[in-house]
Amino acid sequence: MEQKRKIVPPIYLLLTLLVMAALHFGAPIARIIDPSLSYSGIALIVLGIAITAIAARAFARAGTPIIPFEPSTALVAGGLYRMTRNPMYLGMVVALLGTGVLFGTVSPFLPIPVFVWIIQKKFIEAEEGFLEEIFGAQYLAYKGKVRRWL
């Protein structure tokens, strides 16, 4: 039996970036960030990438899979995971916000809430269920102390 391939979060990130660029260049709504300030978006992009990479490295050090839908072998609760239960996804959102700032118009910001909703519904909620099944009270205690996003 052939296993159905699932779309992973980086693909949604790439699609969102493409939609943001298409909206900026094809249907730019009012400029909200002065061009001289829009380059500050690069700092947010770099920050978002760094957050995602640091969080992914914590998974690698713990020896647990980074790919959604694969069973976790360790509950990662240190480092960035003390501040947010989803730093990899948060890093992606920060990078998207940085891209919006870099473009400087309203339209590129429109797909970001859609990305957040997709990640929340397709990944985070399912992952929380899996983690609760695997780690039980340990995960529930962690979940009670650390917020989902920030």
N, C-alpha and C. Protein backbone atom coordinates (compact mmCIF):
# COMPACT_ATOMS: atom_id res chain seq x y z
N MET A 1 0.84 -1.19 0.00
CA MET A 1 0.00 0.00 0.00
C MET A 1 0.88 1.25 0.00
N GLU A 2 0.57 2.18 -0.86
CA GLU A 2 1.37 3.39 -1.00
C GLU A 2 0.97 4.39 0.08
N GLN A 3 1.99 4.97 0.74
CA GLN A 3 1.73 5.94 1.79
C GLN A 3 1.48 7.31 1.16
N LYS A 4 0.44 7.98 1.62
CA LYS A 4 0.10 9.31 1.12
C LYS A 4 1.12 10.32 1.65
N ARG A 5 1.68 11.10 0.74
CA ARG A 5 2.64 12.12 1.15
C ARG A 5 1.90 13.30 1.77
N LYS A 6 2.47 13.83 2.83
CA LYS A 6 1.88 14.98 3.49
C LYS A 6 2.74 16.21 3.23
N ILE A 7 2.07 17.33 3.12
CA ILE A 7 2.79 18.59 2.92
C ILE A 7 3.32 19.03 4.28
N VAL A 8 4.61 19.33 4.34
CA VAL A 8 5.24 19.73 5.60
C VAL A 8 5.28 21.26 5.70
N PRO A 9 5.42 21.79 6.92
CA PRO A 9 5.37 23.24 7.13
C PRO A 9 6.29 24.07 6.23
N PRO A 10 7.53 23.66 5.95
CA PRO A 10 8.35 24.51 5.06
C PRO A 10 7.74 24.71 3.67
N ILE A 11 6.94 23.76 3.20
CA ILE A 11 6.27 23.95 1.91
C ILE A 11 5.20 25.04 2.04
N TYR A 12 4.45 25.02 3.14
CA TYR A 12 3.48 26.11 3.38
C TYR A 12 4.19 27.45 3.51
N LEU A 13 5.35 27.45 4.14
CA LEU A 13 6.14 28.68 4.25
C LEU A 13 6.52 29.19 2.87
N LEU A 14 7.05 28.30 2.03
CA LEU A 14 7.44 28.69 0.67
C LEU A 14 6.25 29.19 -0.13
N LEU A 15 5.12 28.50 -0.05
CA LEU A 15 3.92 28.94 -0.76
C LEU A 15 3.45 30.31 -0.28
N THR A 16 3.53 30.52 1.03
CA THR A 16 3.13 31.83 1.58
C THR A 16 4.06 32.92 1.08
N LEU A 17 5.36 32.65 1.05
CA LEU A 17 6.32 33.63 0.52
C LEU A 17 6.02 33.97 -0.94
N LEU A 18 5.68 32.96 -1.72
CA LEU A 18 5.34 33.19 -3.13
C LEU A 18 4.08 34.03 -3.27
N VAL A 19 3.07 33.75 -2.46
CA VAL A 19 1.83 34.53 -2.49
C VAL A 19 2.11 35.97 -2.05
N MET A 20 2.94 36.13 -1.02
CA MET A 20 3.30 37.47 -0.55
C MET A 20 3.97 38.28 -1.67
N ALA A 21 4.91 37.66 -2.37
CA ALA A 21 5.61 38.34 -3.46
C ALA A 21 4.63 38.67 -4.59
N ALA A 22 3.77 37.73 -4.93
CA ALA A 22 2.79 37.96 -5.99
C ALA A 22 1.87 39.12 -5.63
N LEU A 23 1.43 39.16 -4.38
CA LEU A 23 0.56 40.26 -3.96
C LEU A 23 1.30 41.59 -3.97
N HIS A 24 2.54 41.58 -3.51
CA HIS A 24 3.30 42.83 -3.48
C HIS A 24 3.55 43.38 -4.89
N PHE A 25 3.97 42.50 -5.77
CA PHE A 25 4.29 42.97 -7.12
C PHE A 25 3.08 43.07 -8.04
N GLY A 26 2.05 42.26 -7.79
CA GLY A 26 0.88 42.25 -8.66
C GLY A 26 -0.28 43.09 -8.18
N ALA A 27 -0.41 43.26 -6.88
CA ALA A 27 -1.53 44.01 -6.32
C ALA A 27 -1.11 44.72 -5.04
N PRO A 28 -0.10 45.60 -5.15
CA PRO A 28 0.37 46.27 -3.94
C PRO A 28 -0.67 47.26 -3.40
N ILE A 29 -1.09 47.01 -2.18
CA ILE A 29 -1.97 47.97 -1.50
C ILE A 29 -1.03 49.01 -0.88
N ALA A 30 -1.53 50.05 -0.37
CA ALA A 30 -0.76 51.19 0.12
C ALA A 30 0.57 50.82 0.80
N ARG A 31 1.57 51.63 0.49
CA ARG A 31 2.88 51.48 1.15
C ARG A 31 2.72 51.95 2.59
N ILE A 32 3.10 51.08 3.53
CA ILE A 32 2.96 51.43 4.95
C ILE A 32 4.32 51.58 5.62
N ILE A 33 5.37 51.14 4.94
CA ILE A 33 6.71 51.24 5.50
C ILE A 33 7.59 51.97 4.50
N ASP A 34 8.19 53.05 4.96
CA ASP A 34 9.06 53.83 4.09
C ASP A 34 10.17 52.95 3.54
N PRO A 35 10.50 53.09 2.25
CA PRO A 35 11.55 52.25 1.66
C PRO A 35 12.87 52.26 2.44
N SER A 36 13.20 53.39 3.04
CA SER A 36 14.45 53.46 3.81
C SER A 36 14.39 52.61 5.07
N LEU A 37 13.20 52.33 5.58
CA LEU A 37 13.04 51.50 6.77
C LEU A 37 12.72 50.04 6.44
N SER A 38 12.32 49.80 5.21
CA SER A 38 11.89 48.44 4.87
C SER A 38 13.02 47.42 4.97
N TYR A 39 14.25 47.86 4.83
CA TYR A 39 15.37 46.92 4.94
C TYR A 39 15.52 46.36 6.36
N SER A 40 14.87 46.98 7.33
CA SER A 40 14.89 46.41 8.68
C SER A 40 14.19 45.04 8.71
N GLY A 41 13.39 44.77 7.69
CA GLY A 41 12.76 43.46 7.58
C GLY A 41 13.78 42.34 7.47
N ILE A 42 14.95 42.65 6.94
CA ILE A 42 16.01 41.63 6.82
C ILE A 42 16.39 41.12 8.21
N ALA A 43 16.45 42.02 9.18
CA ALA A 43 16.78 41.60 10.55
C ALA A 43 15.74 40.63 11.08
N LEU A 44 14.46 40.89 10.79
CA LEU A 44 13.40 39.97 11.23
C LEU A 44 13.50 38.63 10.51
N ILE A 45 13.83 38.65 9.24
CA ILE A 45 13.99 37.41 8.48
C ILE A 45 15.11 36.58 9.10
N VAL A 46 16.24 37.22 9.36
CA VAL A 46 17.39 36.52 9.95
C VAL A 46 17.02 35.99 11.34
N LEU A 47 16.32 36.81 12.13
CA LEU A 47 15.89 36.38 13.46
C LEU A 47 14.97 35.16 13.36
N GLY A 48 14.02 35.21 12.45
CA GLY A 48 13.10 34.09 12.28
C GLY A 48 13.81 32.81 11.88
N ILE A 49 14.76 32.93 10.96
CA ILE A 49 15.53 31.76 10.53
C ILE A 49 16.36 31.22 11.71
N ALA A 50 16.95 32.13 12.48
CA ALA A 50 17.76 31.72 13.64
C ALA A 50 16.90 30.99 14.68
N ILE A 51 15.72 31.53 14.98
CA ILE A 51 14.82 30.89 15.94
C ILE A 51 14.47 29.48 15.48
N THR A 52 14.11 29.35 14.21
CA THR A 52 13.74 28.04 13.66
C THR A 52 14.93 27.08 13.72
N ALA A 53 16.11 27.55 13.34
CA ALA A 53 17.30 26.68 13.33
C ALA A 53 17.70 26.25 14.73
N ILE A 54 17.66 27.17 15.68
CA ILE A 54 18.01 26.83 17.07
C ILE A 54 17.02 25.80 17.63
N ALA A 55 15.75 26.00 17.34
CA ALA A 55 14.72 25.06 17.81
C ALA A 55 14.90 23.69 17.16
N ALA A 56 15.20 23.67 15.87
CA ALA A 56 15.41 22.39 15.17
C ALA A 56 16.64 21.68 15.72
N ARG A 57 17.68 22.43 16.03
CA ARG A 57 18.89 21.85 16.59
C ARG A 57 18.61 21.21 17.96
N ALA A 58 17.70 21.80 18.73
CA ALA A 58 17.34 21.22 20.02
C ALA A 58 16.68 19.85 19.82
N PHE A 59 15.86 19.72 18.78
CA PHE A 59 15.27 18.42 18.46
C PHE A 59 16.35 17.41 18.09
N ALA A 60 17.31 17.85 17.27
CA ALA A 60 18.39 16.95 16.85
C ALA A 60 19.21 16.49 18.04
N ARG A 61 19.53 17.41 18.95
CA ARG A 61 20.29 17.05 20.15
C ARG A 61 19.53 16.06 21.02
N ALA A 62 18.20 16.21 21.07
CA ALA A 62 17.38 15.30 21.88
C ALA A 62 17.13 13.97 21.18
N GLY A 63 17.48 13.91 19.89
CA GLY A 63 17.30 12.68 19.13
C GLY A 63 15.86 12.37 18.79
N THR A 64 15.05 13.41 18.66
CA THR A 64 13.64 13.22 18.32
C THR A 64 13.36 13.77 16.93
N PRO A 65 12.46 13.17 16.18
CA PRO A 65 12.21 13.61 14.80
C PRO A 65 11.67 15.03 14.71
N ILE A 66 12.12 15.73 13.69
CA ILE A 66 11.66 17.10 13.46
C ILE A 66 10.43 17.12 12.54
N ILE A 67 10.25 16.05 11.77
CA ILE A 67 9.17 15.99 10.79
C ILE A 67 7.84 15.74 11.50
N PRO A 68 6.83 16.61 11.25
CA PRO A 68 5.52 16.40 11.86
C PRO A 68 4.98 15.01 11.49
N PHE A 69 4.17 14.46 12.32
CA PHE A 69 3.50 13.17 12.13
C PHE A 69 4.39 11.98 12.44
N GLU A 70 5.68 12.21 12.72
CA GLU A 70 6.55 11.11 13.15
C GLU A 70 6.52 11.09 14.68
N PRO A 71 6.48 9.92 15.29
CA PRO A 71 6.38 9.84 16.76
C PRO A 71 7.58 10.46 17.45
N SER A 72 7.30 11.30 18.42
CA SER A 72 8.36 11.93 19.20
C SER A 72 8.96 10.92 20.16
N THR A 73 10.27 11.04 20.35
CA THR A 73 10.95 10.14 21.28
C THR A 73 11.43 10.87 22.52
N ALA A 74 11.34 12.20 22.51
CA ALA A 74 11.74 13.00 23.66
C ALA A 74 10.89 14.27 23.69
N LEU A 75 10.59 14.72 24.89
CA LEU A 75 9.87 15.99 25.05
C LEU A 75 10.92 17.08 25.25
N VAL A 76 11.02 17.97 24.28
CA VAL A 76 11.99 19.05 24.35
C VAL A 76 11.32 20.22 25.07
N ALA A 77 11.89 20.61 26.23
CA ALA A 77 11.27 21.65 27.04
C ALA A 77 12.28 22.71 27.49
N GLY A 78 13.51 22.62 27.01
CA GLY A 78 14.54 23.59 27.40
C GLY A 78 14.79 24.61 26.31
N GLY A 79 15.69 25.53 26.57
CA GLY A 79 16.06 26.55 25.59
C GLY A 79 14.85 27.38 25.18
N LEU A 80 14.67 27.57 23.88
CA LEU A 80 13.54 28.36 23.38
C LEU A 80 12.20 27.75 23.77
N TYR A 81 12.20 26.44 24.01
CA TYR A 81 10.95 25.75 24.35
C TYR A 81 10.48 26.09 25.77
N ARG A 82 11.25 26.86 26.51
CA ARG A 82 10.78 27.37 27.81
C ARG A 82 9.88 28.58 27.63
N MET A 83 9.97 29.24 26.45
CA MET A 83 9.20 30.46 26.19
C MET A 83 8.00 30.24 25.28
N THR A 84 8.10 29.25 24.41
CA THR A 84 7.03 28.93 23.47
C THR A 84 7.07 27.45 23.16
N ARG A 85 5.91 26.82 23.03
CA ARG A 85 5.88 25.40 22.71
C ARG A 85 6.19 25.15 21.23
N ASN A 86 6.20 26.20 20.42
CA ASN A 86 6.35 26.04 18.98
C ASN A 86 7.35 27.04 18.38
N PRO A 87 8.59 27.03 18.85
CA PRO A 87 9.53 28.03 18.32
C PRO A 87 9.84 27.87 16.83
N MET A 88 9.79 26.65 16.30
CA MET A 88 10.05 26.51 14.86
C MET A 88 8.99 27.23 14.06
N TYR A 89 7.73 27.05 14.43
CA TYR A 89 6.65 27.73 13.73
C TYR A 89 6.69 29.24 13.99
N LEU A 90 7.01 29.62 15.21
CA LEU A 90 7.13 31.05 15.53
C LEU A 90 8.22 31.69 14.68
N GLY A 91 9.35 30.99 14.52
CA GLY A 91 10.43 31.52 13.68
C GLY A 91 9.98 31.73 12.25
N MET A 92 9.17 30.80 11.74
CA MET A 92 8.65 30.94 10.38
C MET A 92 7.77 32.19 10.27
N VAL A 93 6.94 32.42 11.27
CA VAL A 93 6.05 33.59 11.26
C VAL A 93 6.88 34.88 11.35
N VAL A 94 7.91 34.90 12.18
CA VAL A 94 8.78 36.08 12.27
C VAL A 94 9.45 36.35 10.92
N ALA A 95 9.90 35.30 10.24
CA ALA A 95 10.50 35.48 8.92
C ALA A 95 9.48 36.02 7.91
N LEU A 96 8.24 35.54 7.99
CA LEU A 96 7.20 36.06 7.10
C LEU A 96 6.92 37.53 7.40
N LEU A 97 6.87 37.90 8.68
CA LEU A 97 6.66 39.31 9.04
C LEU A 97 7.81 40.16 8.52
N GLY A 98 9.03 39.65 8.63
CA GLY A 98 10.18 40.37 8.09
C GLY A 98 10.08 40.56 6.59
N THR A 99 9.58 39.55 5.90
CA THR A 99 9.38 39.66 4.45
C THR A 99 8.35 40.74 4.14
N GLY A 100 7.29 40.78 4.92
CA GLY A 100 6.28 41.82 4.73
C GLY A 100 6.86 43.21 4.94
N VAL A 101 7.68 43.36 5.99
CA VAL A 101 8.34 44.65 6.25
C VAL A 101 9.27 45.00 5.09
N LEU A 102 10.01 44.03 4.60
CA LEU A 102 10.92 44.27 3.48
C LEU A 102 10.17 44.75 2.24
N PHE A 103 9.02 44.14 1.95
CA PHE A 103 8.22 44.60 0.81
C PHE A 103 7.62 45.98 1.09
N GLY A 104 7.16 46.21 2.30
CA GLY A 104 6.71 47.53 2.71
C GLY A 104 5.28 47.93 2.36
N THR A 105 4.52 47.05 1.69
CA THR A 105 3.13 47.37 1.37
C THR A 105 2.20 46.48 2.20
N VAL A 106 0.93 46.82 2.21
CA VAL A 106 -0.04 46.08 3.03
C VAL A 106 -0.27 44.66 2.51
N SER A 107 -0.37 44.50 1.20
CA SER A 107 -0.81 43.22 0.64
C SER A 107 0.02 42.01 1.05
N PRO A 108 1.35 42.10 1.19
CA PRO A 108 2.10 40.90 1.59
C PRO A 108 1.78 40.41 3.01
N PHE A 109 1.21 41.27 3.83
CA PHE A 109 0.87 40.85 5.19
C PHE A 109 -0.42 40.02 5.23
N LEU A 110 -1.23 40.10 4.19
CA LEU A 110 -2.53 39.42 4.19
C LEU A 110 -2.45 37.89 4.30
N PRO A 111 -1.50 37.22 3.66
CA PRO A 111 -1.45 35.76 3.78
C PRO A 111 -0.90 35.24 5.12
N ILE A 112 -0.27 36.10 5.90
CA ILE A 112 0.36 35.62 7.14
C ILE A 112 -0.65 35.01 8.11
N PRO A 113 -1.80 35.66 8.36
CA PRO A 113 -2.78 35.00 9.25
C PRO A 113 -3.28 33.67 8.70
N VAL A 114 -3.35 33.53 7.39
CA VAL A 114 -3.76 32.26 6.78
C VAL A 114 -2.71 31.20 7.07
N PHE A 115 -1.43 31.55 6.95
CA PHE A 115 -0.35 30.62 7.27
C PHE A 115 -0.45 30.18 8.73
N VAL A 116 -0.64 31.13 9.63
CA VAL A 116 -0.75 30.80 11.06
C VAL A 116 -1.93 29.86 11.30
N TRP A 117 -3.05 30.14 10.67
CA TRP A 117 -4.24 29.29 10.84
C TRP A 117 -3.96 27.87 10.33
N ILE A 118 -3.35 27.75 9.16
CA ILE A 118 -3.04 26.43 8.60
C ILE A 118 -2.10 25.66 9.54
N ILE A 119 -1.06 26.32 10.01
CA ILE A 119 -0.10 25.66 10.91
C ILE A 119 -0.80 25.23 12.20
N GLN A 120 -1.64 26.09 12.72
CA GLN A 120 -2.37 25.78 13.96
C GLN A 120 -3.27 24.57 13.76
N LYS A 121 -4.07 24.58 12.70
CA LYS A 121 -5.07 23.53 12.48
C LYS A 121 -4.47 22.22 11.96
N LYS A 122 -3.54 22.30 11.03
CA LYS A 122 -3.01 21.09 10.39
C LYS A 122 -1.86 20.44 11.16
N PHE A 123 -1.16 21.23 11.98
CA PHE A 123 0.04 20.70 12.63
C PHE A 123 -0.01 20.80 14.15
N ILE A 124 -0.10 22.01 14.68
CA ILE A 124 0.03 22.20 16.12
C ILE A 124 -1.01 21.40 16.90
N GLU A 125 -2.27 21.50 16.51
CA GLU A 125 -3.31 20.80 17.27
C GLU A 125 -3.10 19.28 17.25
N ALA A 126 -2.72 18.74 16.10
CA ALA A 126 -2.45 17.30 16.01
C ALA A 126 -1.22 16.92 16.82
N GLU A 127 -0.17 17.74 16.72
CA GLU A 127 1.06 17.46 17.46
C GLU A 127 0.80 17.47 18.96
N GLU A 128 -0.02 18.40 19.42
CA GLU A 128 -0.34 18.45 20.85
C GLU A 128 -1.04 17.18 21.30
N GLY A 129 -1.94 16.67 20.46
CA GLY A 129 -2.62 15.42 20.78
C GLY A 129 -1.64 14.26 20.85
N PHE A 130 -0.72 14.18 19.89
CA PHE A 130 0.28 13.11 19.88
C PHE A 130 1.16 13.19 21.12
N LEU A 131 1.61 14.40 21.44
CA LEU A 131 2.50 14.56 22.59
C LEU A 131 1.80 14.20 23.90
N GLU A 132 0.52 14.52 23.98
CA GLU A 132 -0.25 14.17 25.17
C GLU A 132 -0.37 12.65 25.30
N GLU A 133 -0.58 11.97 24.17
CA GLU A 133 -0.66 10.50 24.20
C GLU A 133 0.67 9.88 24.59
N ILE A 134 1.75 10.41 24.05
CA ILE A 134 3.08 9.83 24.27
C ILE A 134 3.61 10.13 25.67
N PHE A 135 3.50 11.40 26.09
CA PHE A 135 4.16 11.83 27.32
C PHE A 135 3.20 12.07 28.49
N GLY A 136 1.90 12.03 28.26
CA GLY A 136 0.90 12.13 29.32
C GLY A 136 1.06 13.33 30.24
N ALA A 137 1.16 13.05 31.54
CA ALA A 137 1.20 14.10 32.56
C ALA A 137 2.39 15.03 32.39
N GLN A 138 3.51 14.48 31.92
CA GLN A 138 4.71 15.31 31.71
C GLN A 138 4.42 16.40 30.68
N TYR A 139 3.74 16.04 29.58
CA TYR A 139 3.41 17.03 28.56
C TYR A 139 2.34 17.99 29.07
N LEU A 140 1.34 17.48 29.78
CA LEU A 140 0.29 18.35 30.31
C LEU A 140 0.87 19.40 31.27
N ALA A 141 1.84 19.01 32.08
CA ALA A 141 2.49 19.96 32.99
C ALA A 141 3.25 21.02 32.18
N TYR A 142 3.97 20.58 31.16
CA TYR A 142 4.70 21.50 30.29
C TYR A 142 3.73 22.45 29.59
N LYS A 143 2.65 21.88 29.07
CA LYS A 143 1.63 22.66 28.36
C LYS A 143 1.00 23.71 29.28
N GLY A 144 0.86 23.35 30.55
CA GLY A 144 0.28 24.29 31.52
C GLY A 144 1.21 25.44 31.87
N LYS A 145 2.52 25.27 31.66
CA LYS A 145 3.49 26.31 32.01
C LYS A 145 3.90 27.19 30.83
N VAL A 146 3.88 26.62 29.61
CA VAL A 146 4.44 27.33 28.46
C VAL A 146 3.33 27.57 27.44
N ARG A 147 3.26 28.79 26.95
CA ARG A 147 2.23 29.16 25.98
C ARG A 147 2.52 28.55 24.62
N ARG A 148 1.46 28.40 23.83
CA ARG A 148 1.57 27.81 22.50
C ARG A 148 2.45 28.67 21.58
N TRP A 149 2.21 29.96 21.55
CA TRP A 149 2.99 30.85 20.67
C TRP A 149 3.95 31.70 21.48
N LEU A 150 3.46 32.68 22.19
CA LEU A 150 4.32 33.53 23.03
C LEU A 150 3.66 33.84 24.35
